[in-house]
Amino acid sequence: MTSELPVITPDWPAPRQVHAGCSTRLGGTSVACWHSLNLGGHVSDNPGYVAENRQRLAEWAGVSGEAFCWLEQVHGTVVVDAPSRDRTPPRADASVTRDRGVVCTVLTADCLPVLFCARDGRQVGAAHAGWRGLCAGVLENTLSSFRCSPSEIMVWLGPAIGPQAFEVGAEVRQQFLAEDAGAGAAFVPSPQHPDRYLANLYLLARQRLISAGVTDIYGGDFCTYSDPERFYSYRRDGVTGRMASFIWLD
């Protein structure tokens, strides 16, 4: 890494050729509600600030700006092979690659970023898992894009809205229960609104990953909503920036 930036690095036993991180909101040039390292180009921030912030992230990683595979995220389940050059962002919510120097990247501000790494260090991936994509199978689709068994894949759960802050309606709980009766453990009645629930995105993701055959799961101990100094949160602020979670092979 060639530049100082307050980036979170996963605490997991990935092969040494695998590199990964998650930006915070600190260390950038954006102002006002996007302060300061906003990496999202779709949130009405000044494009010049976003470009500079992305360049700072590339410098931290020691790669070119073109190495990052940015996505047009739509809360879906499409997984793409990460392009190796800067181009129009694919309409997808996850990417994978076996190519060195290609950075799989997702943007979040409460949704769950999930990084994937084959134990042999030959393939990596990143997924954006809001509750809709998570329920519909974006994690399973990402695992299916790897050329190995899920048992040979390790996963890191990055910063997302925590289980004490993510209030949802009964219809969200019902959609998860329709897929897996065990998902009920991830929902508790809201103390503020009896007809609503507090949802645990981290537990829901772990349930889906374990069911798919993943045994090595790390992370999952952040809360974007309750940590305004470090993280953007759409639920908390409305108009806000985006963090990037990213992974690549060198």
Protein backbone atom coordinates (compact mmCIF):
# COMPACT_ATOMS: atom_id res chain seq x y z
CA MET A 1 0.00 0.00 0.00
CA THR A 2 1.45 3.38 -0.99
CA SER A 3 -0.79 5.98 0.66
CA GLU A 4 -2.10 6.65 4.15
CA LEU A 5 -5.86 6.34 4.38
CA PRO A 6 -8.03 5.05 7.25
CA VAL A 7 -9.06 1.84 5.47
CA ILE A 8 -10.38 -1.18 7.37
CA THR A 9 -8.62 -4.39 6.37
CA PRO A 10 -10.29 -7.77 6.93
CA ASP A 11 -9.01 -9.87 9.79
CA TRP A 12 -9.00 -13.24 8.04
CA PRO A 13 -6.38 -15.83 6.96
CA ALA A 14 -6.45 -15.00 3.25
CA PRO A 15 -3.55 -16.09 1.01
CA ARG A 16 -0.83 -13.48 0.78
CA GLN A 17 -1.63 -12.63 -2.85
CA VAL A 18 -5.15 -11.58 -1.82
CA HIS A 19 -5.63 -7.95 -0.75
CA ALA A 20 -8.82 -6.36 0.51
CA GLY A 21 -10.20 -3.39 2.37
CA CYS A 22 -13.16 -1.24 3.19
CA SER A 23 -12.98 2.54 3.15
CA THR A 24 -14.43 4.71 5.89
CA ARG A 25 -15.86 8.17 5.37
CA LEU A 26 -12.51 9.71 6.39
CA GLY A 27 -9.60 10.95 4.31
CA GLY A 28 -11.28 12.54 1.30
CA THR A 29 -12.18 15.86 -0.27
CA SER A 30 -15.99 15.90 -0.32
CA VAL A 31 -17.83 18.50 1.76
CA ALA A 32 -21.19 18.96 3.48
CA CYS A 33 -23.25 15.77 3.89
CA TRP A 34 -20.77 13.77 1.79
CA HIS A 35 -17.83 14.57 4.07
CA SER A 36 -15.27 13.35 3.23
CA LEU A 37 -14.20 10.19 1.31
CA ASN A 38 -17.40 9.71 -0.68
CA LEU A 39 -16.77 7.17 -3.45
CA GLY A 40 -20.29 7.08 -4.89
CA GLY A 41 -20.81 8.92 -8.16
CA HIS A 42 -24.62 8.68 -7.98
CA VAL A 43 -25.38 10.62 -4.78
CA SER A 44 -25.27 14.24 -6.11
CA ASP A 45 -21.76 14.93 -4.84
CA ASN A 46 -19.35 17.04 -6.90
CA PRO A 47 -17.91 14.68 -9.57
CA GLY A 48 -14.48 16.24 -9.16
CA TYR A 49 -14.41 15.38 -5.48
CA VAL A 50 -15.53 11.82 -6.20
CA ALA A 51 -12.81 11.41 -8.82
CA GLU A 52 -10.16 12.65 -6.40
CA ASN A 53 -11.46 10.37 -3.65
CA ARG A 54 -11.32 7.37 -5.96
CA GLN A 55 -7.79 8.29 -6.94
CA ARG A 56 -6.79 8.41 -3.29
CA LEU A 57 -8.24 4.95 -2.79
CA ALA A 58 -6.31 3.65 -5.80
CA GLU A 59 -3.12 5.16 -4.42
CA TRP A 60 -3.74 3.47 -1.07
CA ALA A 61 -4.13 0.14 -2.83
CA GLY A 62 -1.12 0.74 -5.09
CA VAL A 63 -3.12 0.12 -8.27
CA SER A 64 -4.38 2.28 -11.13
CA GLY A 65 -7.82 3.85 -10.95
CA GLU A 66 -8.83 1.73 -13.94
CA ALA A 67 -8.31 -1.42 -11.90
CA PHE A 68 -11.49 -0.86 -9.89
CA CYS A 69 -14.63 -2.59 -11.14
CA TRP A 70 -17.41 -0.18 -10.15
CA LEU A 71 -20.97 -1.49 -10.51
CA GLU A 72 -24.37 0.05 -11.15
CA GLN A 73 -25.97 -1.59 -8.13
CA VAL A 74 -29.71 -2.28 -8.23
CA HIS A 75 -30.35 -4.47 -5.15
CA GLY A 76 -30.46 -7.53 -7.38
CA THR A 77 -28.63 -10.83 -7.73
CA VAL A 78 -26.63 -10.49 -10.97
CA VAL A 79 -22.94 -11.40 -10.72
CA VAL A 80 -20.47 -10.33 -13.42
CA ASP A 81 -16.86 -11.09 -14.28
CA ALA A 82 -15.07 -7.94 -13.22
CA PRO A 83 -13.86 -6.02 -16.29
CA SER A 84 -10.14 -5.37 -16.40
CA ARG A 85 -10.38 -1.78 -17.69
CA ASP A 86 -12.40 1.28 -16.78
CA ARG A 87 -15.72 1.28 -18.65
CA THR A 88 -19.44 1.85 -18.14
CA PRO A 89 -20.25 0.13 -14.83
CA PRO A 90 -22.11 -3.16 -15.37
CA ARG A 91 -25.64 -3.32 -13.97
CA ALA A 92 -25.02 -5.89 -11.24
CA ASP A 93 -24.62 -6.33 -7.48
CA ALA A 94 -21.58 -8.58 -7.38
CA SER A 95 -18.41 -9.28 -9.33
CA VAL A 96 -15.75 -12.00 -9.35
CA THR A 97 -12.36 -12.34 -10.98
CA ARG A 98 -9.43 -14.70 -11.45
CA ASP A 99 -7.34 -11.96 -13.06
CA ARG A 100 -4.56 -10.26 -11.15
CA GLY A 101 -4.80 -6.53 -10.62
CA VAL A 102 -8.58 -6.33 -11.11
CA VAL A 103 -10.36 -4.92 -8.06
CA CYS A 104 -13.86 -6.24 -7.35
CA THR A 105 -15.69 -3.37 -5.66
CA VAL A 106 -19.08 -2.64 -4.09
CA LEU A 107 -20.46 0.57 -2.60
CA THR A 108 -22.53 0.66 0.58
CA ALA A 109 -23.98 2.95 3.25
CA ASP A 110 -25.93 0.49 5.48
CA CYS A 111 -26.27 -2.46 3.09
CA LEU A 112 -23.93 -5.36 3.75
CA PRO A 113 -20.69 -5.61 1.72
CA VAL A 114 -19.44 -9.18 1.44
CA LEU A 115 -15.95 -10.14 0.25
CA PHE A 116 -15.11 -13.63 -1.01
CA CYS A 117 -11.78 -15.39 -1.40
CA ALA A 118 -10.94 -18.92 -2.58
CA ARG A 119 -8.57 -20.58 -0.12
CA ASP A 120 -6.13 -21.35 -2.94
CA GLY A 121 -5.91 -17.63 -3.72
CA ARG A 122 -7.00 -18.02 -7.34
CA GLN A 123 -10.31 -16.18 -7.28
CA VAL A 124 -11.94 -13.34 -5.36
CA GLY A 125 -15.28 -11.55 -5.41
CA ALA A 126 -17.40 -8.85 -3.82
CA ALA A 127 -21.17 -8.61 -3.32
CA HIS A 128 -23.57 -5.86 -2.32
CA ALA A 129 -26.20 -7.42 -0.06
CA GLY A 130 -29.04 -5.17 0.90
CA TRP A 131 -31.96 -7.07 2.36
CA ARG A 132 -33.61 -7.49 -1.06
CA GLY A 133 -30.55 -8.93 -2.74
CA LEU A 134 -29.71 -11.02 0.29
CA CYS A 135 -33.18 -12.53 0.37
CA ALA A 136 -33.20 -13.13 -3.39
CA GLY A 137 -29.85 -14.96 -3.40
CA VAL A 138 -27.01 -12.61 -4.33
CA LEU A 139 -24.62 -14.43 -1.97
CA GLU A 140 -25.51 -17.84 -3.36
CA ASN A 141 -25.10 -16.54 -6.92
CA THR A 142 -21.67 -15.17 -6.07
CA LEU A 143 -20.59 -18.48 -4.58
CA SER A 144 -21.83 -20.26 -7.72
CA SER A 145 -19.55 -18.06 -9.81
CA PHE A 146 -16.46 -19.49 -8.13
CA ARG A 147 -14.67 -22.46 -9.67
CA CYS A 148 -14.53 -24.33 -6.39
CA SER A 149 -16.80 -25.64 -3.68
CA PRO A 150 -18.27 -23.15 -1.17
CA SER A 151 -16.39 -25.10 1.50
CA GLU A 152 -13.17 -23.84 -0.14
CA ILE A 153 -14.23 -20.18 0.08
CA MET A 154 -13.75 -17.79 2.97
CA VAL A 155 -16.00 -14.76 3.46
CA TRP A 156 -15.70 -11.42 5.23
CA LEU A 157 -18.74 -9.38 6.26
CA GLY A 158 -17.99 -5.67 6.12
CA PRO A 159 -19.62 -2.64 7.77
CA ALA A 160 -23.43 -2.63 7.62
CA ILE A 161 -26.33 -1.37 9.69
CA GLY A 162 -26.36 -3.28 12.96
CA PRO A 163 -29.11 -5.42 14.49
CA GLN A 164 -30.08 -2.75 17.02
CA ALA A 165 -30.74 -0.15 14.32
CA PHE A 166 -32.23 -1.89 11.28
CA GLU A 167 -36.00 -1.65 11.75
CA VAL A 168 -38.12 -3.28 9.04
CA GLY A 169 -41.74 -4.12 8.41
CA ALA A 170 -43.36 -7.51 8.90
CA GLU A 171 -43.34 -8.04 5.13
CA VAL A 172 -39.53 -8.13 5.10
CA ARG A 173 -39.47 -10.80 7.78
CA GLN A 174 -42.11 -12.78 5.90
CA GLN A 175 -40.06 -12.77 2.68
CA PHE A 176 -37.08 -14.27 4.49
CA LEU A 177 -39.24 -16.81 6.28
CA ALA A 178 -40.67 -17.89 2.93
CA GLU A 179 -37.11 -18.81 1.89
CA ASP A 180 -35.95 -20.28 5.22
CA ALA A 181 -37.96 -20.84 8.38
CA GLY A 182 -34.75 -20.49 10.39
CA ALA A 183 -34.52 -16.83 9.38
CA GLY A 184 -36.94 -16.01 12.17
CA ALA A 185 -33.99 -16.00 14.58
CA ALA A 186 -32.69 -12.87 12.83
CA PHE A 187 -35.78 -10.80 13.66
CA VAL A 188 -36.89 -9.50 17.05
CA PRO A 189 -39.91 -7.28 17.72
CA SER A 190 -39.07 -3.59 17.72
CA PRO A 191 -39.38 -2.02 21.19
CA GLN A 192 -40.50 1.20 19.52
CA HIS A 193 -43.10 -0.17 17.10
CA PRO A 194 -44.82 -3.48 17.97
CA ASP A 195 -45.80 -4.11 14.35
CA ARG A 196 -42.19 -3.88 13.16
CA TYR A 197 -38.96 -5.85 13.67
CA LEU A 198 -35.25 -5.30 14.19
CA ALA A 199 -33.42 -7.31 11.53
CA ASN A 200 -29.92 -8.74 11.87
CA LEU A 201 -28.34 -8.56 8.40
CA TYR A 202 -25.18 -10.23 9.65
CA LEU A 203 -27.04 -13.24 11.00
CA LEU A 204 -29.18 -13.50 7.86
CA ALA A 205 -26.02 -13.52 5.73
CA ARG A 206 -24.34 -16.12 7.94
CA GLN A 207 -27.39 -18.35 7.74
CA ARG A 208 -27.42 -18.19 3.95
CA LEU A 209 -23.67 -18.74 3.64
CA ILE A 210 -23.64 -21.69 6.05
CA SER A 211 -26.61 -23.24 4.27
CA ALA A 212 -24.68 -22.92 0.99
CA GLY A 213 -21.68 -24.74 2.47
CA VAL A 214 -19.36 -21.92 3.61
CA THR A 215 -17.60 -22.68 6.89
CA ASP A 216 -15.09 -19.81 7.18
CA ILE A 217 -16.96 -16.54 7.87
CA TYR A 218 -15.32 -13.48 9.40
CA GLY A 219 -16.28 -9.90 10.28
CA GLY A 220 -19.80 -8.82 11.03
CA ASP A 221 -19.10 -6.66 14.07
CA PHE A 222 -19.77 -3.14 12.77
CA CYS A 223 -22.75 -0.79 12.76
CA THR A 224 -22.78 1.97 10.17
CA TYR A 225 -25.84 3.64 11.70
CA SER A 226 -24.40 4.08 15.18
CA ASP A 227 -20.88 5.17 14.16
CA PRO A 228 -21.28 8.51 12.30
CA GLU A 229 -17.63 9.43 12.76
CA ARG A 230 -16.43 6.50 10.65
CA PHE A 231 -19.32 5.45 8.42
CA TYR A 232 -21.93 6.78 6.06
CA SER A 233 -25.49 5.64 6.79
CA TYR A 234 -28.40 6.15 4.42
CA ARG A 235 -30.90 5.14 7.09
CA ARG A 236 -29.47 7.73 9.49
CA ASP A 237 -28.77 10.65 7.15
CA GLY A 238 -30.72 10.25 3.90
CA VAL A 239 -28.42 12.18 1.56
CA THR A 240 -24.97 10.78 2.23
CA GLY A 241 -21.84 9.30 0.68
CA ARG A 242 -20.81 5.71 0.05
CA MET A 243 -17.97 3.52 1.31
CA ALA A 244 -16.22 1.00 -0.93
CA SER A 245 -15.41 -2.60 -0.03
CA PHE A 246 -12.93 -4.12 -2.43
CA ILE A 247 -10.70 -7.13 -3.06
CA TRP A 248 -8.07 -8.09 -5.61
CA LEU A 249 -5.23 -10.45 -6.49
CA ASP A 250 -1.71 -9.17 -7.03
